Amino acid sequence: MSNSSQDREMSAKVVRGGQDEAAENEWMDASPEQRIEAVWTLTKICLEWNGNSSLEPRLQRTVTRLQRAQR
């Protein structure tokens, strides 16, 4: 894992059966860029756990052209 991802703070919460889950609105004030960065960080951590630490996934691009038959 890179040093920048190790320096970040992470929190977790356990909700047991029968307890009400408290509403967490901490992401309501986050910008779209901050949300995307958080998801990307989690994605990279998951890839490292699966042994893919050397590879960074790229967006998959598929180009398709549909053409209707002549009538």
C-alpha atoms as a PDB file:
ATOM      1  CA  MET A   1       0.000   0.000   0.000  1.00  0.00           C
ATOM      2  CA  SER A   2       1.245   3.493  -0.709  1.00  0.00           C
ATOM      3  CA  ASN A   3       2.135   5.823   2.147  1.00  0.00           C
ATOM      4  CA  SER A   4      -0.644   8.262   1.321  1.00  0.00           C
ATOM      5  CA  SER A   5      -3.330   5.604   1.750  1.00  0.00           C
ATOM      6  CA  GLN A   6      -1.790   4.410   5.031  1.00  0.00           C
ATOM      7  CA  ASP A   7      -1.906   7.912   6.521  1.00  0.00           C
ATOM      8  CA  ARG A   8      -5.643   8.277   6.009  1.00  0.00           C
ATOM      9  CA  GLU A   9      -8.080   7.777   8.822  1.00  0.00           C
ATOM     10  CA  MET A  10     -10.712   5.077   8.606  1.00  0.00           C
ATOM     11  CA  SER A  11     -13.612   4.403  10.917  1.00  0.00           C
ATOM     12  CA  ALA A  12     -15.958   1.462  11.272  1.00  0.00           C
ATOM     13  CA  LYS A  13     -19.212   0.901  13.113  1.00  0.00           C
ATOM     14  CA  VAL A  14     -20.865  -2.295  14.289  1.00  0.00           C
ATOM     15  CA  VAL A  15     -24.661  -2.398  14.240  1.00  0.00           C
ATOM     16  CA  ARG A  16     -26.043  -5.378  16.085  1.00  0.00           C
ATOM     17  CA  GLY A  17     -29.424  -6.960  15.377  1.00  0.00           C
ATOM     18  CA  GLY A  18     -32.318  -5.150  17.015  1.00  0.00           C
ATOM     19  CA  GLN A  19     -30.466  -1.838  17.323  1.00  0.00           C
ATOM     20  CA  ASP A  20     -31.385   1.222  15.316  1.00  0.00           C
ATOM     21  CA  GLU A  21     -28.724   2.354  12.922  1.00  0.00           C
ATOM     22  CA  ALA A  22     -27.893   5.996  13.477  1.00  0.00           C
ATOM     23  CA  ALA A  23     -28.175   8.130  10.359  1.00  0.00           C
ATOM     24  CA  GLU A  24     -24.773   9.246   9.164  1.00  0.00           C
ATOM     25  CA  ASN A  25     -24.801  12.255   6.909  1.00  0.00           C
ATOM     26  CA  GLU A  26     -21.066  12.838   6.730  1.00  0.00           C
ATOM     27  CA  TRP A  27     -21.085  12.285   2.953  1.00  0.00           C
ATOM     28  CA  MET A  28     -23.904  14.770   2.372  1.00  0.00           C
ATOM     29  CA  ASP A  29     -21.443  17.684   2.518  1.00  0.00           C
ATOM     30  CA  ALA A  30     -18.765  15.957   0.449  1.00  0.00           C
ATOM     31  CA  SER A  31     -18.213  17.091  -3.108  1.00  0.00           C
ATOM     32  CA  PRO A  32     -18.539  14.619  -5.995  1.00  0.00           C
ATOM     33  CA  GLU A  33     -14.747  14.696  -6.351  1.00  0.00           C
ATOM     34  CA  GLN A  34     -14.297  13.708  -2.702  1.00  0.00           C
ATOM     35  CA  ARG A  35     -16.789  10.857  -3.061  1.00  0.00           C
ATOM     36  CA  ILE A  36     -15.108   9.539  -6.212  1.00  0.00           C
ATOM     37  CA  GLU A  37     -11.689   9.758  -4.536  1.00  0.00           C
ATOM     38  CA  ALA A  38     -13.005   7.759  -1.546  1.00  0.00           C
ATOM     39  CA  VAL A  39     -14.429   5.050  -3.801  1.00  0.00           C
ATOM     40  CA  TRP A  40     -11.211   4.895  -5.831  1.00  0.00           C
ATOM     41  CA  THR A  41      -9.157   4.545  -2.638  1.00  0.00           C
ATOM     42  CA  LEU A  42     -11.356   1.660  -1.487  1.00  0.00           C
ATOM     43  CA  THR A  43     -11.074   0.052  -4.922  1.00  0.00           C
ATOM     44  CA  LYS A  44      -7.275   0.156  -4.812  1.00  0.00           C
ATOM     45  CA  ILE A  45      -7.223  -1.270  -1.265  1.00  0.00           C
ATOM     46  CA  CYS A  46      -9.474  -4.148  -2.351  1.00  0.00           C
ATOM     47  CA  LEU A  47      -7.232  -4.865  -5.342  1.00  0.00           C
ATOM     48  CA  GLU A  48      -4.201  -4.991  -3.034  1.00  0.00           C
ATOM     49  CA  TRP A  49      -5.984  -7.461  -0.749  1.00  0.00           C
ATOM     50  CA  ASN A  50      -6.626  -9.687  -3.774  1.00  0.00           C
ATOM     51  CA  GLY A  51      -2.963  -9.613  -4.774  1.00  0.00           C
ATOM     52  CA  ASN A  52      -3.292  -7.151  -7.677  1.00  0.00           C
ATOM     53  CA  SER A  53      -1.242  -4.377  -6.084  1.00  0.00           C
ATOM     54  CA  SER A  54       1.004  -3.830  -9.104  1.00  0.00           C
ATOM     55  CA  LEU A  55      -1.846  -3.281 -11.529  1.00  0.00           C
ATOM     56  CA  GLU A  56      -4.104  -0.255 -11.548  1.00  0.00           C
ATOM     57  CA  PRO A  57      -7.334  -0.967 -13.427  1.00  0.00           C
ATOM     58  CA  ARG A  58      -8.277   1.204 -16.343  1.00  0.00           C
ATOM     59  CA  LEU A  59     -11.678   2.103 -17.600  1.00  0.00           C
ATOM     60  CA  GLN A  60     -12.931  -0.456 -20.053  1.00  0.00           C
ATOM     61  CA  ARG A  61     -13.945   1.039 -23.347  1.00  0.00           C
ATOM     62  CA  THR A  62     -16.165  -0.725 -25.809  1.00  0.00           C
ATOM     63  CA  VAL A  63     -17.261   0.856 -29.059  1.00  0.00           C
ATOM     64  CA  THR A  64     -20.380  -0.578 -30.647  1.00  0.00           C
ATOM     65  CA  ARG A  65     -22.224   0.499 -33.758  1.00  0.00           C
ATOM     66  CA  LEU A  66     -25.753  -0.656 -34.381  1.00  0.00           C
ATOM     67  CA  GLN A  67     -27.127  -0.361 -37.864  1.00  0.00           C
ATOM     68  CA  ARG A  68     -30.684  -1.252 -38.744  1.00  0.00           C
ATOM     69  CA  ALA A  69     -31.384  -3.266 -41.841  1.00  0.00           C
ATOM     70  CA  GLN A  70     -32.678  -1.397 -44.877  1.00  0.00           C
ATOM     71  CA  ARG A  71     -36.440  -1.703 -45.384  1.00  0.00           C
END
